[in-house]
Amino acid sequence: MESKEILELAVKAADSKRAEDIVALDVSKVSYMADYFVIMDANSKRQVQAISEAIVEQAHKTNVEIKRIEGKQTASWILVDLGDVIVHVFQKDQRQFYNLEKLWSQAPMVDVNQWVGA
C-alpha cells in the first residue's frame, strides 16, 4: 500500500471517532523517518485511545504493518507508527504544549478535507 493510501486510511479512521483538527504534513523532503505525519487531538484520554484503536484496527484490516505504538498507558499522546505514516493522537493540552506543527513548519500541509466527513 502506498504511503498516501495509508495516510487516507489513518485520517478516515480518526475522523470516524471524531478526532479534531486533523492535520497532515508531508515530511518526505525534510525527514528520513516518514513521508507523512498526521496530527490530531481529542477531548479525553478515552477518546485518544478510541481514535488510536480505530487506526490500528483499520491497519490490521488492510494488512498495513504497525511498527510501533507508544503512549497507550497514559493516553495523553499516542503515537502510531505505520512506517511511512506516523500518527500523533493528542489530548488538546498536550498538542498545544508539544506544537509539532510549529516544529515541522517547513513541511507542507496535505489537504485532508476530502477524507473528513461532514
N, C-alpha and C. Protein backbone atom coordinates (compact mmCIF):
# COMPACT_ATOMS: atom_id res chain seq x y z
N MET A 1 0.85 -1.17 0.00
CA MET A 1 0.00 0.00 0.00
C MET A 1 0.90 1.24 0.00
N GLU A 2 0.57 2.20 -0.84
CA GLU A 2 1.34 3.44 -0.94
C GLU A 2 1.13 4.30 0.30
N SER A 3 2.09 5.15 0.60
CA SER A 3 2.01 5.98 1.81
C SER A 3 0.80 6.92 1.79
N LYS A 4 0.42 7.41 0.61
CA LYS A 4 -0.75 8.30 0.53
C LYS A 4 -2.04 7.53 0.88
N GLU A 5 -2.10 6.26 0.50
CA GLU A 5 -3.25 5.43 0.84
C GLU A 5 -3.29 5.15 2.34
N ILE A 6 -2.13 4.95 2.94
CA ILE A 6 -2.06 4.75 4.39
C ILE A 6 -2.49 6.03 5.11
N LEU A 7 -2.07 7.16 4.58
CA LEU A 7 -2.48 8.45 5.13
C LEU A 7 -4.00 8.57 5.10
N GLU A 8 -4.60 8.26 3.97
CA GLU A 8 -6.06 8.32 3.84
C GLU A 8 -6.74 7.40 4.84
N LEU A 9 -6.24 6.18 4.97
CA LEU A 9 -6.79 5.21 5.92
C LEU A 9 -6.77 5.77 7.34
N ALA A 10 -5.63 6.34 7.74
CA ALA A 10 -5.49 6.88 9.09
C ALA A 10 -6.43 8.05 9.33
N VAL A 11 -6.52 8.95 8.37
CA VAL A 11 -7.39 10.12 8.52
C VAL A 11 -8.85 9.69 8.62
N LYS A 12 -9.28 8.79 7.77
CA LYS A 12 -10.67 8.34 7.80
C LYS A 12 -11.00 7.61 9.09
N ALA A 13 -10.07 6.77 9.58
CA ALA A 13 -10.30 6.06 10.83
C ALA A 13 -10.39 7.04 11.99
N ALA A 14 -9.51 8.02 12.01
CA ALA A 14 -9.53 9.03 13.07
C ALA A 14 -10.82 9.84 13.03
N ASP A 15 -11.23 10.23 11.84
CA ASP A 15 -12.45 11.00 11.68
C ASP A 15 -13.67 10.20 12.14
N SER A 16 -13.64 8.90 11.94
CA SER A 16 -14.77 8.06 12.35
C SER A 16 -14.97 8.07 13.87
N LYS A 17 -13.93 8.43 14.61
CA LYS A 17 -14.01 8.52 16.08
C LYS A 17 -13.98 9.97 16.55
N ARG A 18 -14.29 10.86 15.63
CA ARG A 18 -14.44 12.29 15.91
C ARG A 18 -13.16 12.97 16.39
N ALA A 19 -12.05 12.59 15.78
CA ALA A 19 -10.80 13.32 16.04
C ALA A 19 -10.99 14.76 15.59
N GLU A 20 -10.35 15.67 16.28
CA GLU A 20 -10.50 17.09 15.97
C GLU A 20 -9.22 17.65 15.36
N ASP A 21 -9.41 18.65 14.52
CA ASP A 21 -8.31 19.39 13.91
C ASP A 21 -7.24 18.46 13.33
N ILE A 22 -7.65 17.60 12.42
CA ILE A 22 -6.72 16.66 11.80
C ILE A 22 -5.86 17.39 10.78
N VAL A 23 -4.55 17.28 10.97
CA VAL A 23 -3.57 17.94 10.10
C VAL A 23 -2.60 16.87 9.60
N ALA A 24 -2.29 16.92 8.32
CA ALA A 24 -1.27 16.03 7.76
C ALA A 24 -0.15 16.88 7.18
N LEU A 25 1.07 16.48 7.48
CA LEU A 25 2.25 17.18 6.97
C LEU A 25 3.04 16.24 6.08
N ASP A 26 3.46 16.74 4.94
CA ASP A 26 4.31 15.96 4.04
C ASP A 26 5.75 16.20 4.48
N VAL A 27 6.30 15.26 5.23
CA VAL A 27 7.66 15.42 5.78
C VAL A 27 8.70 14.69 4.93
N SER A 28 8.31 14.20 3.77
CA SER A 28 9.21 13.39 2.94
C SER A 28 10.47 14.13 2.52
N LYS A 29 10.39 15.43 2.37
CA LYS A 29 11.55 16.21 1.94
C LYS A 29 12.40 16.73 3.11
N VAL A 30 11.86 16.65 4.32
CA VAL A 30 12.56 17.22 5.48
C VAL A 30 12.93 16.18 6.54
N SER A 31 12.54 14.92 6.32
CA SER A 31 12.83 13.87 7.30
C SER A 31 12.97 12.53 6.60
N TYR A 32 13.86 11.73 7.11
CA TYR A 32 14.02 10.38 6.57
C TYR A 32 13.13 9.36 7.28
N MET A 33 12.49 9.76 8.37
CA MET A 33 11.75 8.78 9.16
C MET A 33 10.36 8.44 8.61
N ALA A 34 9.80 9.29 7.77
CA ALA A 34 8.45 9.04 7.27
C ALA A 34 8.16 9.95 6.08
N ASP A 35 7.06 9.63 5.38
CA ASP A 35 6.56 10.50 4.33
C ASP A 35 5.56 11.52 4.88
N TYR A 36 4.74 11.06 5.85
CA TYR A 36 3.69 11.92 6.39
C TYR A 36 3.63 11.80 7.91
N PHE A 37 3.34 12.93 8.54
CA PHE A 37 2.94 12.99 9.95
C PHE A 37 1.48 13.38 9.95
N VAL A 38 0.69 12.70 10.75
CA VAL A 38 -0.71 13.06 10.93
C VAL A 38 -0.85 13.47 12.39
N ILE A 39 -1.43 14.63 12.61
CA ILE A 39 -1.57 15.18 13.96
C ILE A 39 -3.03 15.52 14.18
N MET A 40 -3.54 15.13 15.35
CA MET A 40 -4.94 15.40 15.68
C MET A 40 -5.08 15.48 17.18
N ASP A 41 -6.24 15.90 17.64
CA ASP A 41 -6.46 15.91 19.08
C ASP A 41 -7.86 15.43 19.42
N ALA A 42 -8.03 15.22 20.74
CA ALA A 42 -9.30 14.72 21.26
C ALA A 42 -9.52 15.35 22.63
N ASN A 43 -10.74 15.24 23.13
CA ASN A 43 -11.10 15.90 24.38
C ASN A 43 -10.81 15.10 25.64
N SER A 44 -10.55 13.80 25.51
CA SER A 44 -10.34 12.98 26.70
C SER A 44 -9.37 11.84 26.40
N LYS A 45 -8.85 11.23 27.46
CA LYS A 45 -7.98 10.08 27.30
C LYS A 45 -8.72 8.94 26.60
N ARG A 46 -9.96 8.75 26.98
CA ARG A 46 -10.77 7.68 26.38
C ARG A 46 -10.91 7.89 24.88
N GLN A 47 -11.13 9.12 24.46
CA GLN A 47 -11.26 9.39 23.02
C GLN A 47 -9.93 9.23 22.30
N VAL A 48 -8.83 9.64 22.93
CA VAL A 48 -7.50 9.44 22.36
C VAL A 48 -7.28 7.94 22.11
N GLN A 49 -7.64 7.13 23.09
CA GLN A 49 -7.49 5.68 22.95
C GLN A 49 -8.39 5.13 21.84
N ALA A 50 -9.63 5.59 21.80
CA ALA A 50 -10.57 5.11 20.78
C ALA A 50 -10.08 5.46 19.37
N ILE A 51 -9.55 6.65 19.19
CA ILE A 51 -9.04 7.06 17.89
C ILE A 51 -7.87 6.19 17.48
N SER A 52 -6.92 6.01 18.38
CA SER A 52 -5.74 5.20 18.05
C SER A 52 -6.14 3.75 17.78
N GLU A 53 -7.09 3.23 18.54
CA GLU A 53 -7.56 1.86 18.31
C GLU A 53 -8.24 1.72 16.95
N ALA A 54 -8.99 2.73 16.53
CA ALA A 54 -9.64 2.69 15.22
C ALA A 54 -8.60 2.67 14.10
N ILE A 55 -7.54 3.45 14.27
CA ILE A 55 -6.47 3.49 13.27
C ILE A 55 -5.77 2.13 13.21
N VAL A 56 -5.46 1.56 14.36
CA VAL A 56 -4.81 0.25 14.42
C VAL A 56 -5.70 -0.83 13.80
N GLU A 57 -6.99 -0.78 14.10
CA GLU A 57 -7.94 -1.76 13.55
C GLU A 57 -7.99 -1.69 12.03
N GLN A 58 -8.04 -0.47 11.48
CA GLN A 58 -8.05 -0.32 10.02
C GLN A 58 -6.74 -0.79 9.40
N ALA A 59 -5.65 -0.53 10.08
CA ALA A 59 -4.35 -1.00 9.58
C ALA A 59 -4.33 -2.52 9.52
N HIS A 60 -4.82 -3.16 10.56
CA HIS A 60 -4.88 -4.63 10.57
C HIS A 60 -5.76 -5.16 9.43
N LYS A 61 -6.92 -4.53 9.24
CA LYS A 61 -7.86 -4.97 8.20
C LYS A 61 -7.26 -4.88 6.80
N THR A 62 -6.38 -3.91 6.59
CA THR A 62 -5.81 -3.70 5.26
C THR A 62 -4.36 -4.17 5.15
N ASN A 63 -3.92 -4.94 6.15
CA ASN A 63 -2.57 -5.51 6.17
C ASN A 63 -1.46 -4.46 6.12
N VAL A 64 -1.69 -3.33 6.74
CA VAL A 64 -0.65 -2.31 6.90
C VAL A 64 0.12 -2.65 8.17
N GLU A 65 1.43 -2.74 8.04
CA GLU A 65 2.25 -3.11 9.18
C GLU A 65 2.29 -1.98 10.20
N ILE A 66 2.05 -2.34 11.45
CA ILE A 66 2.18 -1.39 12.55
C ILE A 66 3.55 -1.63 13.17
N LYS A 67 4.41 -0.67 13.02
CA LYS A 67 5.79 -0.83 13.51
C LYS A 67 5.88 -0.64 15.01
N ARG A 68 5.10 0.31 15.54
CA ARG A 68 5.19 0.59 16.96
C ARG A 68 4.00 1.45 17.39
N ILE A 69 3.60 1.25 18.64
CA ILE A 69 2.58 2.10 19.27
C ILE A 69 3.16 2.55 20.60
N GLU A 70 3.14 3.84 20.83
CA GLU A 70 3.69 4.41 22.07
C GLU A 70 2.63 5.24 22.76
N GLY A 71 2.63 5.22 24.09
CA GLY A 71 1.79 6.12 24.87
C GLY A 71 0.42 5.60 25.23
N LYS A 72 0.15 4.33 25.00
CA LYS A 72 -1.19 3.79 25.28
C LYS A 72 -1.55 3.86 26.76
N GLN A 73 -0.57 3.72 27.63
CA GLN A 73 -0.86 3.70 29.07
C GLN A 73 -1.38 5.04 29.56
N THR A 74 -0.71 6.11 29.19
CA THR A 74 -1.12 7.43 29.68
C THR A 74 -2.20 8.06 28.82
N ALA A 75 -2.19 7.75 27.53
CA ALA A 75 -3.19 8.23 26.57
C ALA A 75 -3.31 9.75 26.51
N SER A 76 -2.23 10.45 26.83
CA SER A 76 -2.26 11.89 26.62
C SER A 76 -1.67 12.22 25.25
N TRP A 77 -0.83 11.30 24.74
CA TRP A 77 -0.27 11.39 23.39
C TRP A 77 0.05 9.97 22.96
N ILE A 78 -0.68 9.48 22.00
CA ILE A 78 -0.41 8.15 21.46
C ILE A 78 0.17 8.30 20.06
N LEU A 79 1.28 7.64 19.84
CA LEU A 79 1.94 7.64 18.54
C LEU A 79 1.73 6.26 17.92
N VAL A 80 1.23 6.25 16.69
CA VAL A 80 1.06 5.01 15.93
C VAL A 80 1.97 5.10 14.71
N ASP A 81 2.97 4.23 14.68
CA ASP A 81 3.95 4.22 13.59
C ASP A 81 3.51 3.21 12.54
N LEU A 82 3.05 3.73 11.41
CA LEU A 82 2.62 2.88 10.29
C LEU A 82 3.67 2.86 9.19
N GLY A 83 4.92 3.03 9.56
CA GLY A 83 6.00 3.03 8.59
C GLY A 83 6.17 4.40 7.97
N ASP A 84 5.66 4.57 6.77
CA ASP A 84 5.79 5.85 6.08
C ASP A 84 4.82 6.91 6.58
N VAL A 85 3.91 6.52 7.45
CA VAL A 85 2.94 7.45 8.04
C VAL A 85 3.01 7.30 9.56
N ILE A 86 3.28 8.40 10.22
CA ILE A 86 3.33 8.40 11.68
C ILE A 86 2.18 9.25 12.19
N VAL A 87 1.35 8.64 13.03
CA VAL A 87 0.14 9.29 13.52
C VAL A 87 0.34 9.71 14.97
N HIS A 88 0.01 10.96 15.27
CA HIS A 88 0.09 11.50 16.63
C HIS A 88 -1.32 11.87 17.07
N VAL A 89 -1.81 11.19 18.11
CA VAL A 89 -3.14 11.48 18.65
C VAL A 89 -2.93 12.09 20.05
N PHE A 90 -3.28 13.35 20.19
CA PHE A 90 -3.03 14.10 21.42
C PHE A 90 -4.32 14.42 22.16
N GLN A 91 -4.19 14.63 23.47
CA GLN A 91 -5.19 15.39 24.18
C GLN A 91 -4.87 16.85 23.86
N LYS A 92 -5.89 17.70 23.87
CA LYS A 92 -5.72 19.09 23.42
C LYS A 92 -4.54 19.81 24.08
N ASP A 93 -4.43 19.73 25.39
CA ASP A 93 -3.36 20.46 26.08
C ASP A 93 -1.97 19.95 25.71
N GLN A 94 -1.84 18.65 25.50
CA GLN A 94 -0.56 18.08 25.09
C GLN A 94 -0.19 18.53 23.68
N ARG A 95 -1.18 18.60 22.81
CA ARG A 95 -0.90 19.06 21.45
C ARG A 95 -0.38 20.49 21.45
N GLN A 96 -1.02 21.33 22.24
CA GLN A 96 -0.58 22.72 22.34
C GLN A 96 0.83 22.82 22.91
N PHE A 97 1.12 21.99 23.92
CA PHE A 97 2.43 22.03 24.56
C PHE A 97 3.54 21.62 23.60
N TYR A 98 3.36 20.51 22.89
CA TYR A 98 4.42 19.99 22.01
C TYR A 98 4.46 20.70 20.66
N ASN A 99 3.32 21.20 20.20
CA ASN A 99 3.23 22.02 18.99
C ASN A 99 4.06 21.47 17.81
N LEU A 100 3.77 20.24 17.43
CA LEU A 100 4.51 19.60 16.34
C LEU A 100 4.38 20.34 15.02
N GLU A 101 3.24 20.99 14.82
CA GLU A 101 3.06 21.75 13.58
C GLU A 101 4.12 22.83 13.46
N LYS A 102 4.46 23.49 14.55
CA LYS A 102 5.50 24.53 14.51
C LYS A 102 6.87 23.88 14.35
N LEU A 103 7.10 22.80 15.06
CA LEU A 103 8.39 22.10 14.97
C LEU A 103 8.68 21.65 13.54
N TRP A 104 7.65 21.20 12.83
CA TRP A 104 7.79 20.72 11.46
C TRP A 104 7.20 21.71 10.47
N SER A 105 7.30 22.99 10.76
CA SER A 105 6.66 24.03 9.93
C SER A 105 7.21 24.10 8.51
N GLN A 106 8.40 23.58 8.27
CA GLN A 106 8.96 23.59 6.92
C GLN A 106 8.32 22.52 6.02
N ALA A 107 7.55 21.62 6.62
CA ALA A 107 6.86 20.57 5.84
C ALA A 107 5.52 21.10 5.35
N PRO A 108 5.23 20.93 4.06
CA PRO A 108 3.95 21.41 3.54
C PRO A 108 2.77 20.59 4.09
N MET A 109 1.66 21.28 4.25
CA MET A 109 0.44 20.61 4.71
C MET A 109 -0.22 19.88 3.54
N VAL A 110 -0.88 18.77 3.87
CA VAL A 110 -1.63 17.98 2.90
C VAL A 110 -3.11 18.25 3.15
N ASP A 111 -3.85 18.49 2.11
CA ASP A 111 -5.29 18.73 2.25
C ASP A 111 -5.99 17.40 2.53
N VAL A 112 -6.54 17.27 3.73
CA VAL A 112 -7.24 16.03 4.11
C VAL A 112 -8.74 16.21 4.12
N ASN A 113 -9.21 17.38 3.73
CA ASN A 113 -10.64 17.66 3.78
C ASN A 113 -11.49 16.68 2.99
N GLN A 114 -10.96 16.14 1.91
CA GLN A 114 -11.70 15.18 1.09
C GLN A 114 -11.98 13.88 1.84
N TRP A 115 -11.20 13.59 2.89
CA TRP A 115 -11.35 12.34 3.65
C TRP A 115 -12.09 12.52 4.96
N VAL A 116 -12.40 13.77 5.29
CA VAL A 116 -13.06 14.06 6.56
C VAL A 116 -14.54 14.29 6.27
N GLY A 117 -15.38 13.51 6.95
CA GLY A 117 -16.82 13.60 6.71
C GLY A 117 -17.43 14.87 7.26
N ALA A 118 -18.54 15.20 6.71
CA ALA A 118 -19.24 16.41 7.15
C ALA A 118 -20.11 16.15 8.34
